Amino acid sequence: MRRPLVLLLLLCTALLVGSRFYPRVRYVDVAGAAHYTAAELAALAGLKPGQPLLWVSTWSLAGLTRDPWVESARVVRRWPERVLLEVTERTPAFRYGERVYALDGTVLPGADPLAAPVTLTGWGASRLEEATELLRLLADFQPEVLSYSPSGFTVFFADSTLYTPDVASLRAHWSGFVEHRGFSVAVYPWGVSVQP
């Protein structure tokens, strides 16, 4: 009983040590590069030709996934010598002051403020989290400016405006907003008001 166990242990050790030398990565392909170049993403992930192929895993991408521009990343090993790095990058969604944010609220350092399609302005206590949630909700309607105040949010679209005191009120009266697109719509906790 002991001898087979020792042989199995020796075999596993030999395979583990051997995997450091064969197979090796010869090609690194990158999909999803937008803000960064493919070479920059591969460097952030620590992927380079010559690495042991079997030792490349999603776990080894920790440096890449800590970058604020990278939303998600995964690695696909293609036998015998190729690695595919699939990256989903965050994109500028709105600017607030000097900062540019992604739709999930992540600050994107170095982003061009003009690349963000929405401008967020406001006064009073910051309502950044709620504004981010509102922008996610309205993303398909292409808002241009979102302004907040202590009393609520005013959203300007190309052809209409929307006022809502909070996100919950808009969710509660969502169909009233959608039905009256193209008009000036005010959503309140008790209903919807429409003006041409």
N, C-alpha and C. Protein backbone atom coordinates (compact mmCIF):
# COMPACT_ATOMS: atom_id res chain seq x y z
N MET A 1 0.82 -1.20 0.00
CA MET A 1 0.00 0.00 0.00
C MET A 1 0.86 1.25 0.00
N ARG A 2 1.97 1.20 0.72
CA ARG A 2 2.83 2.37 0.81
C ARG A 2 3.57 2.64 -0.49
N ARG A 3 3.97 1.57 -1.14
CA ARG A 3 4.76 1.73 -2.36
C ARG A 3 3.95 2.43 -3.47
N PRO A 4 2.69 2.03 -3.76
CA PRO A 4 1.91 2.74 -4.78
C PRO A 4 1.70 4.21 -4.43
N LEU A 5 1.53 4.50 -3.15
CA LEU A 5 1.34 5.88 -2.73
C LEU A 5 2.60 6.71 -2.99
N VAL A 6 3.75 6.14 -2.71
CA VAL A 6 5.03 6.82 -2.96
C VAL A 6 5.22 7.02 -4.46
N LEU A 7 4.89 6.01 -5.25
CA LEU A 7 5.02 6.13 -6.71
C LEU A 7 4.09 7.21 -7.26
N LEU A 8 2.88 7.26 -6.74
CA LEU A 8 1.92 8.28 -7.16
C LEU A 8 2.43 9.67 -6.80
N LEU A 9 2.97 9.81 -5.61
CA LEU A 9 3.53 11.09 -5.17
C LEU A 9 4.70 11.50 -6.06
N LEU A 10 5.57 10.57 -6.40
CA LEU A 10 6.71 10.86 -7.29
C LEU A 10 6.22 11.26 -8.69
N LEU A 11 5.22 10.57 -9.18
CA LEU A 11 4.67 10.89 -10.50
C LEU A 11 4.07 12.29 -10.52
N CYS A 12 3.29 12.63 -9.49
CA CYS A 12 2.69 13.97 -9.41
C CYS A 12 3.76 15.04 -9.32
N THR A 13 4.80 14.79 -8.54
CA THR A 13 5.90 15.75 -8.41
C THR A 13 6.60 15.93 -9.75
N ALA A 14 6.83 14.83 -10.47
CA ALA A 14 7.49 14.91 -11.78
C ALA A 14 6.64 15.70 -12.77
N LEU A 15 5.32 15.47 -12.75
CA LEU A 15 4.43 16.21 -13.65
C LEU A 15 4.40 17.69 -13.30
N LEU A 16 4.38 18.00 -12.03
CA LEU A 16 4.37 19.39 -11.59
C LEU A 16 5.65 20.10 -12.01
N VAL A 17 6.78 19.48 -11.76
CA VAL A 17 8.06 20.09 -12.16
C VAL A 17 8.16 20.17 -13.68
N GLY A 18 7.71 19.14 -14.37
CA GLY A 18 7.75 19.14 -15.83
C GLY A 18 6.88 20.22 -16.45
N SER A 19 5.77 20.56 -15.78
CA SER A 19 4.88 21.59 -16.33
C SER A 19 5.51 22.98 -16.30
N ARG A 20 6.59 23.14 -15.56
CA ARG A 20 7.31 24.42 -15.56
C ARG A 20 8.11 24.60 -16.86
N PHE A 21 8.38 23.49 -17.55
CA PHE A 21 9.22 23.55 -18.73
C PHE A 21 8.48 23.26 -20.03
N TYR A 22 7.38 22.52 -19.96
CA TYR A 22 6.62 22.21 -21.17
C TYR A 22 5.17 22.05 -20.80
N PRO A 23 4.27 22.56 -21.57
CA PRO A 23 4.42 23.43 -22.73
C PRO A 23 4.64 24.88 -22.32
N ARG A 24 5.15 25.66 -23.22
CA ARG A 24 5.44 27.07 -22.98
C ARG A 24 4.55 27.96 -23.87
N VAL A 25 4.25 29.15 -23.36
CA VAL A 25 3.48 30.13 -24.12
C VAL A 25 4.37 30.71 -25.21
N ARG A 26 3.91 30.66 -26.45
CA ARG A 26 4.64 31.30 -27.54
C ARG A 26 3.90 32.53 -28.05
N TYR A 27 2.57 32.51 -27.95
CA TYR A 27 1.77 33.62 -28.48
C TYR A 27 0.75 34.06 -27.42
N VAL A 28 0.62 35.38 -27.27
CA VAL A 28 -0.38 35.95 -26.37
C VAL A 28 -1.32 36.80 -27.23
N ASP A 29 -2.57 36.39 -27.34
CA ASP A 29 -3.59 37.15 -28.07
C ASP A 29 -4.46 37.88 -27.06
N VAL A 30 -4.88 39.08 -27.41
CA VAL A 30 -5.71 39.89 -26.52
C VAL A 30 -6.97 40.30 -27.27
N ALA A 31 -8.12 40.10 -26.63
CA ALA A 31 -9.41 40.53 -27.20
C ALA A 31 -10.05 41.51 -26.23
N GLY A 32 -10.61 42.58 -26.77
CA GLY A 32 -11.34 43.54 -25.95
C GLY A 32 -10.57 44.80 -25.60
N ALA A 33 -9.41 44.99 -26.19
CA ALA A 33 -8.61 46.19 -25.89
C ALA A 33 -9.27 47.42 -26.50
N ALA A 34 -9.47 48.45 -25.69
CA ALA A 34 -10.03 49.71 -26.17
C ALA A 34 -9.20 50.87 -25.63
N HIS A 35 -9.18 51.03 -24.33
CA HIS A 35 -8.40 52.11 -23.72
C HIS A 35 -6.91 51.77 -23.77
N TYR A 36 -6.59 50.55 -23.42
CA TYR A 36 -5.20 50.09 -23.45
C TYR A 36 -4.93 49.37 -24.76
N THR A 37 -3.66 49.30 -25.13
CA THR A 37 -3.28 48.48 -26.27
C THR A 37 -3.21 47.03 -25.82
N ALA A 38 -3.16 46.12 -26.77
CA ALA A 38 -3.05 44.70 -26.45
C ALA A 38 -1.77 44.43 -25.67
N ALA A 39 -0.68 45.09 -26.05
CA ALA A 39 0.60 44.89 -25.36
C ALA A 39 0.53 45.40 -23.92
N GLU A 40 -0.14 46.53 -23.70
CA GLU A 40 -0.28 47.06 -22.34
C GLU A 40 -1.10 46.13 -21.46
N LEU A 41 -2.19 45.58 -22.01
CA LEU A 41 -3.02 44.65 -21.24
C LEU A 41 -2.25 43.37 -20.91
N ALA A 42 -1.50 42.85 -21.87
CA ALA A 42 -0.70 41.65 -21.61
C ALA A 42 0.34 41.93 -20.53
N ALA A 43 0.95 43.11 -20.56
CA ALA A 43 1.94 43.47 -19.53
C ALA A 43 1.28 43.62 -18.16
N LEU A 44 0.11 44.26 -18.11
CA LEU A 44 -0.62 44.39 -16.84
C LEU A 44 -0.98 43.02 -16.27
N ALA A 45 -1.28 42.08 -17.15
CA ALA A 45 -1.64 40.73 -16.72
C ALA A 45 -0.41 39.88 -16.41
N GLY A 46 0.76 40.38 -16.77
CA GLY A 46 1.98 39.62 -16.54
C GLY A 46 2.14 38.45 -17.49
N LEU A 47 1.50 38.53 -18.65
CA LEU A 47 1.59 37.46 -19.65
C LEU A 47 2.67 37.78 -20.66
N LYS A 48 3.54 36.81 -20.90
CA LYS A 48 4.58 37.00 -21.91
C LYS A 48 5.01 35.65 -22.46
N PRO A 49 5.51 35.65 -23.68
CA PRO A 49 6.00 34.40 -24.26
C PRO A 49 7.10 33.81 -23.38
N GLY A 50 7.09 32.49 -23.30
CA GLY A 50 8.09 31.79 -22.50
C GLY A 50 7.57 31.30 -21.16
N GLN A 51 6.42 31.78 -20.74
CA GLN A 51 5.84 31.33 -19.48
C GLN A 51 5.33 29.90 -19.61
N PRO A 52 5.29 29.16 -18.51
CA PRO A 52 4.68 27.83 -18.56
C PRO A 52 3.18 27.96 -18.84
N LEU A 53 2.71 27.32 -19.88
CA LEU A 53 1.31 27.44 -20.30
C LEU A 53 0.35 26.98 -19.21
N LEU A 54 0.66 25.88 -18.55
CA LEU A 54 -0.25 25.32 -17.56
C LEU A 54 -0.31 26.16 -16.28
N TRP A 55 0.61 27.09 -16.11
CA TRP A 55 0.63 27.91 -14.91
C TRP A 55 -0.08 29.25 -15.12
N VAL A 56 -0.56 29.48 -16.32
CA VAL A 56 -1.31 30.71 -16.61
C VAL A 56 -2.77 30.44 -16.28
N SER A 57 -3.32 31.27 -15.39
CA SER A 57 -4.72 31.08 -14.97
C SER A 57 -5.34 32.44 -14.67
N THR A 58 -6.63 32.43 -14.41
CA THR A 58 -7.32 33.67 -14.05
C THR A 58 -6.73 34.25 -12.78
N TRP A 59 -6.28 33.40 -11.89
CA TRP A 59 -5.67 33.85 -10.65
C TRP A 59 -4.44 34.72 -10.94
N SER A 60 -3.71 34.39 -11.98
CA SER A 60 -2.50 35.15 -12.31
C SER A 60 -2.81 36.52 -12.92
N LEU A 61 -4.09 36.83 -13.11
CA LEU A 61 -4.49 38.12 -13.68
C LEU A 61 -4.80 39.17 -12.62
N ALA A 62 -4.42 38.93 -11.38
CA ALA A 62 -4.78 39.84 -10.28
C ALA A 62 -4.33 41.27 -10.55
N GLY A 63 -3.14 41.46 -11.09
CA GLY A 63 -2.65 42.81 -11.38
C GLY A 63 -3.52 43.53 -12.40
N LEU A 64 -4.03 42.78 -13.34
CA LEU A 64 -4.88 43.36 -14.39
C LEU A 64 -6.25 43.75 -13.84
N THR A 65 -6.85 42.89 -13.05
CA THR A 65 -8.20 43.15 -12.56
C THR A 65 -8.25 44.23 -11.49
N ARG A 66 -7.10 44.61 -10.93
CA ARG A 66 -7.07 45.73 -9.98
C ARG A 66 -7.08 47.07 -10.70
N ASP A 67 -6.83 47.10 -11.99
CA ASP A 67 -6.81 48.35 -12.74
C ASP A 67 -8.24 48.86 -12.89
N PRO A 68 -8.49 50.15 -12.62
CA PRO A 68 -9.86 50.67 -12.69
C PRO A 68 -10.48 50.61 -14.08
N TRP A 69 -9.68 50.59 -15.12
CA TRP A 69 -10.22 50.53 -16.47
C TRP A 69 -10.72 49.13 -16.83
N VAL A 70 -10.27 48.11 -16.10
CA VAL A 70 -10.61 46.73 -16.43
C VAL A 70 -11.79 46.26 -15.59
N GLU A 71 -12.90 45.97 -16.26
CA GLU A 71 -14.09 45.49 -15.56
C GLU A 71 -13.98 44.00 -15.25
N SER A 72 -13.53 43.23 -16.23
CA SER A 72 -13.35 41.79 -16.02
C SER A 72 -12.31 41.28 -17.01
N ALA A 73 -11.73 40.14 -16.65
CA ALA A 73 -10.73 39.52 -17.53
C ALA A 73 -10.75 38.02 -17.29
N ARG A 74 -10.48 37.30 -18.35
CA ARG A 74 -10.33 35.85 -18.23
C ARG A 74 -9.28 35.39 -19.23
N VAL A 75 -8.70 34.27 -18.92
CA VAL A 75 -7.65 33.74 -19.78
C VAL A 75 -8.09 32.38 -20.30
N VAL A 76 -7.80 32.15 -21.58
CA VAL A 76 -8.12 30.87 -22.21
C VAL A 76 -6.82 30.30 -22.75
N ARG A 77 -6.46 29.12 -22.27
CA ARG A 77 -5.24 28.45 -22.77
C ARG A 77 -5.62 27.63 -23.99
N ARG A 78 -4.85 27.79 -25.05
CA ARG A 78 -5.08 27.02 -26.28
C ARG A 78 -3.84 26.17 -26.53
N TRP A 79 -4.02 24.90 -26.37
CA TRP A 79 -2.92 23.95 -26.49
C TRP A 79 -2.32 23.99 -27.87
N PRO A 80 -1.05 23.95 -28.08
CA PRO A 80 -0.02 23.76 -27.06
C PRO A 80 0.75 25.02 -26.68
N GLU A 81 0.50 26.17 -27.34
CA GLU A 81 1.42 27.29 -27.10
C GLU A 81 0.78 28.67 -27.16
N ARG A 82 -0.52 28.76 -27.07
CA ARG A 82 -1.20 30.05 -27.25
C ARG A 82 -2.08 30.35 -26.03
N VAL A 83 -2.11 31.65 -25.66
CA VAL A 83 -2.97 32.12 -24.58
C VAL A 83 -3.82 33.26 -25.13
N LEU A 84 -5.12 33.21 -24.85
CA LEU A 84 -6.03 34.28 -25.22
C LEU A 84 -6.46 35.00 -23.95
N LEU A 85 -6.23 36.30 -23.91
CA LEU A 85 -6.65 37.14 -22.79
C LEU A 85 -7.88 37.91 -23.24
N GLU A 86 -9.03 37.61 -22.63
CA GLU A 86 -10.28 38.29 -22.97
C GLU A 86 -10.57 39.33 -21.89
N VAL A 87 -10.64 40.59 -22.30
CA VAL A 87 -10.80 41.69 -21.36
C VAL A 87 -12.06 42.48 -21.70
N THR A 88 -12.79 42.86 -20.67
CA THR A 88 -13.89 43.81 -20.81
C THR A 88 -13.46 45.07 -20.10
N GLU A 89 -13.29 46.14 -20.86
CA GLU A 89 -12.86 47.41 -20.27
C GLU A 89 -14.07 48.28 -19.95
N ARG A 90 -13.93 49.06 -18.90
CA ARG A 90 -14.96 50.05 -18.59
C ARG A 90 -14.85 51.19 -19.59
N THR A 91 -15.96 51.84 -19.85
CA THR A 91 -15.96 52.98 -20.76
C THR A 91 -16.45 54.22 -20.02
N PRO A 92 -15.99 55.40 -20.43
CA PRO A 92 -16.48 56.63 -19.80
C PRO A 92 -17.99 56.77 -20.00
N ALA A 93 -18.71 56.99 -18.90
CA ALA A 93 -20.16 57.13 -18.96
C ALA A 93 -20.61 58.54 -18.63
N PHE A 94 -19.93 59.17 -17.65
CA PHE A 94 -20.31 60.54 -17.30
C PHE A 94 -19.14 61.24 -16.63
N ARG A 95 -19.19 62.56 -16.72
CA ARG A 95 -18.17 63.38 -16.06
C ARG A 95 -18.85 64.19 -14.97
N TYR A 96 -18.13 64.32 -13.87
CA TYR A 96 -18.63 65.05 -12.71
C TYR A 96 -17.46 65.86 -12.19
N GLY A 97 -17.48 67.14 -12.44
CA GLY A 97 -16.32 67.97 -12.11
C GLY A 97 -15.18 67.61 -13.04
N GLU A 98 -14.03 67.37 -12.47
CA GLU A 98 -12.84 67.02 -13.26
C GLU A 98 -12.71 65.51 -13.48
N ARG A 99 -13.55 64.73 -12.84
CA ARG A 99 -13.42 63.28 -12.91
C ARG A 99 -14.38 62.68 -13.94
N VAL A 100 -13.93 61.55 -14.49
CA VAL A 100 -14.75 60.79 -15.44
C VAL A 100 -15.04 59.44 -14.79
N TYR A 101 -16.29 59.01 -14.88
CA TYR A 101 -16.75 57.79 -14.22
C TYR A 101 -17.28 56.79 -15.24
N ALA A 102 -17.15 55.51 -14.89
CA ALA A 102 -17.82 54.45 -15.64
C ALA A 102 -19.24 54.33 -15.09
N LEU A 103 -20.06 53.57 -15.77
CA LEU A 103 -21.46 53.44 -15.36
C LEU A 103 -21.63 52.74 -14.02
N ASP A 104 -20.61 52.01 -13.57
CA ASP A 104 -20.69 51.36 -12.26
C ASP A 104 -20.15 52.26 -11.14
N GLY A 105 -19.79 53.51 -11.47
CA GLY A 105 -19.32 54.46 -10.47
C GLY A 105 -17.82 54.47 -10.27
N THR A 106 -17.07 53.69 -11.02
CA THR A 106 -15.62 53.66 -10.91
C THR A 106 -15.02 54.88 -11.58
N VAL A 107 -14.09 55.55 -10.89
CA VAL A 107 -13.38 56.69 -11.47
C VAL A 107 -12.37 56.15 -12.47
N LEU A 108 -12.34 56.74 -13.66
CA LEU A 108 -11.42 56.30 -14.72
C LEU A 108 -10.29 57.32 -14.85
N PRO A 109 -9.14 57.05 -14.23
CA PRO A 109 -8.04 58.01 -14.28
C PRO A 109 -7.51 58.19 -15.70
N GLY A 110 -7.21 59.43 -16.03
CA GLY A 110 -6.64 59.73 -17.34
C GLY A 110 -7.65 59.78 -18.47
N ALA A 111 -8.92 59.61 -18.17
CA ALA A 111 -9.94 59.62 -19.24
C ALA A 111 -10.18 61.05 -19.72
N ASP A 112 -10.41 61.18 -20.99
CA ASP A 112 -10.74 62.47 -21.58
C ASP A 112 -12.16 62.85 -21.17
N PRO A 113 -12.35 63.98 -20.49
CA PRO A 113 -13.70 64.37 -20.07
C PRO A 113 -14.69 64.49 -21.23
N LEU A 114 -14.19 64.81 -22.41
CA LEU A 114 -15.08 64.94 -23.57
C LEU A 114 -15.54 63.59 -24.10
N ALA A 115 -14.90 62.51 -23.65
CA ALA A 115 -15.30 61.17 -24.08
C ALA A 115 -16.54 60.69 -23.34
N ALA A 116 -16.86 61.32 -22.23
CA ALA A 116 -18.04 60.92 -21.45
C ALA A 116 -19.28 61.56 -22.07
N PRO A 117 -20.28 60.77 -22.41
CA PRO A 117 -21.46 61.31 -23.10
C PRO A 117 -22.41 62.11 -22.21
N VAL A 118 -22.29 61.98 -20.89
CA VAL A 118 -23.22 62.65 -19.98
C VAL A 118 -22.44 63.55 -19.02
N THR A 119 -23.00 64.73 -18.76
CA THR A 119 -22.43 65.64 -17.77
C THR A 119 -23.31 65.60 -16.53
N LEU A 120 -22.68 65.38 -15.37
CA LEU A 120 -23.40 65.39 -14.10
C LEU A 120 -23.05 66.68 -13.37
N THR A 121 -24.07 67.43 -12.98
CA THR A 121 -23.87 68.66 -12.22
C THR A 121 -24.81 68.62 -11.02
N GLY A 122 -24.56 69.50 -10.07
CA GLY A 122 -25.48 69.55 -8.94
C GLY A 122 -25.01 70.46 -7.84
N TRP A 123 -25.89 70.66 -6.89
CA TRP A 123 -25.56 71.46 -5.72
C TRP A 123 -26.23 70.82 -4.51
N GLY A 124 -25.74 71.17 -3.34
CA GLY A 124 -26.22 70.55 -2.12
C GLY A 124 -25.38 69.32 -1.82
N ALA A 125 -25.87 68.50 -0.92
CA ALA A 125 -25.16 67.27 -0.57
C ALA A 125 -25.01 66.39 -1.81
N SER A 126 -23.84 65.76 -1.93
CA SER A 126 -23.57 64.92 -3.10
C SER A 126 -24.58 63.78 -3.20
N ARG A 127 -25.08 63.58 -4.39
CA ARG A 127 -26.00 62.47 -4.67
C ARG A 127 -25.41 61.59 -5.77
N LEU A 128 -24.08 61.45 -5.72
CA LEU A 128 -23.36 60.73 -6.76
C LEU A 128 -23.83 59.28 -6.90
N GLU A 129 -23.99 58.57 -5.80
CA GLU A 129 -24.41 57.17 -5.90
C GLU A 129 -25.79 57.04 -6.53
N GLU A 130 -26.72 57.86 -6.09
CA GLU A 130 -28.07 57.80 -6.65
C GLU A 130 -28.08 58.26 -8.11
N ALA A 131 -27.25 59.26 -8.43
CA ALA A 131 -27.14 59.72 -9.82
C ALA A 131 -26.59 58.62 -10.71
N THR A 132 -25.61 57.87 -10.20
CA THR A 132 -25.05 56.76 -10.96
C THR A 132 -26.12 55.70 -11.22
N GLU A 133 -26.91 55.39 -10.21
CA GLU A 133 -28.00 54.43 -10.37
C GLU A 133 -29.03 54.93 -11.40
N LEU A 134 -29.33 56.21 -11.36
CA LEU A 134 -30.27 56.80 -12.30
C LEU A 134 -29.73 56.74 -13.73
N LEU A 135 -28.45 57.00 -13.90
CA LEU A 135 -27.85 56.93 -15.23
C LEU A 135 -27.85 55.50 -15.77
N ARG A 136 -27.62 54.52 -14.90
CA ARG A 136 -27.71 53.11 -15.34
C ARG A 136 -29.13 52.80 -15.83
N LEU A 137 -30.11 53.29 -15.10
CA LEU A 137 -31.51 53.06 -15.45
C LEU A 137 -31.87 53.71 -16.79
N LEU A 138 -31.31 54.89 -17.04
CA LEU A 138 -31.67 55.67 -18.24
C LEU A 138 -30.68 55.51 -19.40
N ALA A 139 -29.71 54.64 -19.28
CA ALA A 139 -28.64 54.53 -20.28
C ALA A 139 -29.16 54.33 -21.70
N ASP A 140 -30.20 53.54 -21.87
CA ASP A 140 -30.73 53.27 -23.22
C ASP A 140 -31.41 54.49 -23.85
N PHE A 141 -31.73 55.50 -23.04
CA PHE A 141 -32.41 56.69 -23.54
C PHE A 141 -31.45 57.84 -23.85
N GLN A 142 -30.16 57.61 -23.67
CA GLN A 142 -29.09 58.55 -24.01
C GLN A 142 -29.27 59.93 -23.37
N PRO A 143 -29.23 59.99 -22.04
CA PRO A 143 -29.28 61.31 -21.40
C PRO A 143 -28.03 62.11 -21.74
N GLU A 144 -28.17 63.44 -21.76
CA GLU A 144 -27.03 64.31 -22.07
C GLU A 144 -26.52 65.03 -20.83
N VAL A 145 -27.44 65.50 -19.99
CA VAL A 145 -27.07 66.20 -18.76
C VAL A 145 -27.98 65.71 -17.65
N LEU A 146 -27.38 65.44 -16.49
CA LEU A 146 -28.16 65.09 -15.31
C LEU A 146 -27.76 66.08 -14.23
N SER A 147 -28.73 66.77 -13.68
CA SER A 147 -28.47 67.77 -12.65
C SER A 147 -29.24 67.38 -11.39
N TYR A 148 -28.55 67.44 -10.24
CA TYR A 148 -29.24 67.11 -9.00
C TYR A 148 -29.28 68.31 -8.07
N SER A 149 -30.24 68.28 -7.18
CA SER A 149 -30.39 69.29 -6.13
C SER A 149 -30.98 68.55 -4.92
N PRO A 150 -31.13 69.21 -3.80
CA PRO A 150 -31.75 68.53 -2.66
C PRO A 150 -33.16 68.02 -2.95
N SER A 151 -33.86 68.65 -3.91
CA SER A 151 -35.24 68.24 -4.19
C SER A 151 -35.36 67.12 -5.21
N GLY A 152 -34.31 66.84 -5.98
CA GLY A 152 -34.41 65.76 -6.96
C GLY A 152 -33.44 65.89 -8.11
N PHE A 153 -33.78 65.24 -9.20
CA PHE A 153 -32.93 65.16 -10.39
C PHE A 153 -33.68 65.69 -11.60
N THR A 154 -32.98 66.47 -12.41
CA THR A 154 -33.49 66.88 -13.72
C THR A 154 -32.56 66.28 -14.76
N VAL A 155 -33.15 65.56 -15.70
CA VAL A 155 -32.37 64.90 -16.75
C VAL A 155 -32.77 65.51 -18.08
N PHE A 156 -31.76 65.92 -18.84
CA PHE A 156 -31.99 66.51 -20.16
C PHE A 156 -31.59 65.50 -21.23
N PHE A 157 -32.53 65.24 -22.12
CA PHE A 157 -32.30 64.38 -23.28
C PHE A 157 -32.29 65.28 -24.51
N ALA A 158 -31.98 64.74 -25.67
CA ALA A 158 -31.95 65.54 -26.90
C ALA A 158 -33.32 66.14 -27.21
N ASP A 159 -34.40 65.42 -26.89
CA ASP A 159 -35.74 65.87 -27.28
C ASP A 159 -36.70 66.08 -26.11
N SER A 160 -36.23 65.93 -24.88
CA SER A 160 -37.15 66.04 -23.74
C SER A 160 -36.39 66.24 -22.44
N THR A 161 -37.16 66.43 -21.37
CA THR A 161 -36.58 66.52 -20.03
C THR A 161 -37.37 65.63 -19.08
N LEU A 162 -36.72 65.28 -17.99
CA LEU A 162 -37.34 64.45 -16.97
C LEU A 162 -36.96 65.01 -15.61
N TYR A 163 -37.95 65.12 -14.74
CA TYR A 163 -37.68 65.46 -13.34
C TYR A 163 -38.17 64.30 -12.49
N THR A 164 -37.37 63.91 -11.51
CA THR A 164 -37.79 62.90 -10.55
C THR A 164 -37.13 63.20 -9.21
N PRO A 165 -37.85 63.07 -8.11
CA PRO A 165 -37.25 63.34 -6.81
C PRO A 165 -36.22 62.29 -6.41
N ASP A 166 -36.39 61.07 -6.91
CA ASP A 166 -35.46 59.99 -6.59
C ASP A 166 -35.65 58.84 -7.57
N VAL A 167 -34.74 57.89 -7.49
CA VAL A 167 -34.78 56.74 -8.41
C VAL A 167 -36.00 55.87 -8.13
N ALA A 168 -36.36 55.71 -6.87
CA ALA A 168 -37.50 54.85 -6.52
C ALA A 168 -38.79 55.36 -7.16
N SER A 169 -38.99 56.67 -7.18
CA SER A 169 -40.20 57.23 -7.80
C SER A 169 -40.23 56.95 -9.29
N LEU A 170 -39.07 57.08 -9.94
CA LEU A 170 -39.02 56.81 -11.37
C LEU A 170 -39.30 55.33 -11.65
N ARG A 171 -38.73 54.46 -10.85
CA ARG A 171 -39.00 53.02 -11.03
C ARG A 171 -40.50 52.73 -10.87
N ALA A 172 -41.11 53.36 -9.88
CA ALA A 172 -42.54 53.12 -9.61
C ALA A 172 -43.42 53.59 -10.76
N HIS A 173 -42.99 54.64 -11.47
CA HIS A 173 -43.80 55.21 -12.56
C HIS A 173 -43.06 55.12 -13.90
N TRP A 174 -42.30 54.05 -14.06
CA TRP A 174 -41.48 53.87 -15.25
C TRP A 174 -42.31 53.91 -16.53
N SER A 175 -43.43 53.24 -16.55
CA SER A 175 -44.24 53.20 -17.78
C SER A 175 -44.76 54.59 -18.15
N GLY A 176 -45.05 55.42 -17.16
CA GLY A 176 -45.49 56.79 -17.44
C GLY A 176 -44.40 57.61 -18.10
N PHE A 177 -43.16 57.39 -17.68
CA PHE A 177 -42.03 58.08 -18.32
C PHE A 177 -41.84 57.60 -19.75
N VAL A 178 -41.81 56.29 -19.93
CA VAL A 178 -41.56 55.72 -21.26
C VAL A 178 -42.68 56.10 -22.23
N GLU A 179 -43.89 56.09 -21.77
CA GLU A 179 -45.05 56.41 -22.61
C GLU A 179 -45.04 57.86 -23.10
N HIS A 180 -44.43 58.75 -22.35
CA HIS A 180 -44.45 60.17 -22.69
C HIS A 180 -43.08 60.71 -23.12
N ARG A 181 -42.26 59.86 -23.70
CA ARG A 181 -40.95 60.29 -24.20
C ARG A 181 -41.16 61.38 -25.25
N GLY A 182 -40.29 62.37 -25.26
CA GLY A 182 -40.42 63.48 -26.20
C GLY A 182 -41.11 64.68 -25.59
N PHE A 183 -41.61 64.52 -24.37
CA PHE A 183 -42.26 65.62 -23.65
C PHE A 183 -41.45 65.94 -22.39
N SER A 184 -41.86 67.00 -21.73
CA SER A 184 -41.28 67.33 -20.44
C SER A 184 -42.06 66.54 -19.39
N VAL A 185 -41.41 65.58 -18.76
CA VAL A 185 -42.07 64.66 -17.82
C VAL A 185 -41.56 64.92 -16.41
N ALA A 186 -42.48 65.03 -15.48
CA ALA A 186 -42.13 65.15 -14.06
C ALA A 186 -42.75 63.96 -13.34
N VAL A 187 -41.89 63.19 -12.68
CA VAL A 187 -42.34 62.01 -11.95
C VAL A 187 -42.34 62.34 -10.47
N TYR A 188 -43.43 62.05 -9.82
CA TYR A 188 -43.56 62.28 -8.37
C TYR A 188 -43.95 60.97 -7.71
N PRO A 189 -43.82 60.88 -6.40
CA PRO A 189 -44.21 59.63 -5.73
C PRO A 189 -45.67 59.25 -5.99
N TRP A 190 -46.53 60.22 -6.25
CA TRP A 190 -47.96 59.95 -6.45
C TRP A 190 -48.38 59.88 -7.91
N GLY A 191 -47.49 60.18 -8.87
CA GLY A 191 -47.89 60.10 -10.27
C GLY A 191 -46.95 60.82 -11.21
N VAL A 192 -47.43 61.04 -12.43
CA VAL A 192 -46.62 61.63 -13.50
C VAL A 192 -47.34 62.85 -14.05
N SER A 193 -46.57 63.92 -14.28
CA SER A 193 -47.09 65.14 -14.89
C SER A 193 -46.38 65.32 -16.23
N VAL A 194 -47.13 65.66 -17.27
CA VAL A 194 -46.56 65.80 -18.61
C VAL A 194 -46.89 67.17 -19.16
N GLN A 195 -45.86 67.82 -19.74
CA GLN A 195 -46.05 69.10 -20.42
C GLN A 195 -45.44 69.00 -21.80
N PRO A 196 -46.09 69.61 -22.80
CA PRO A 196 -45.54 69.54 -24.17
C PRO A 196 -44.22 70.29 -24.28
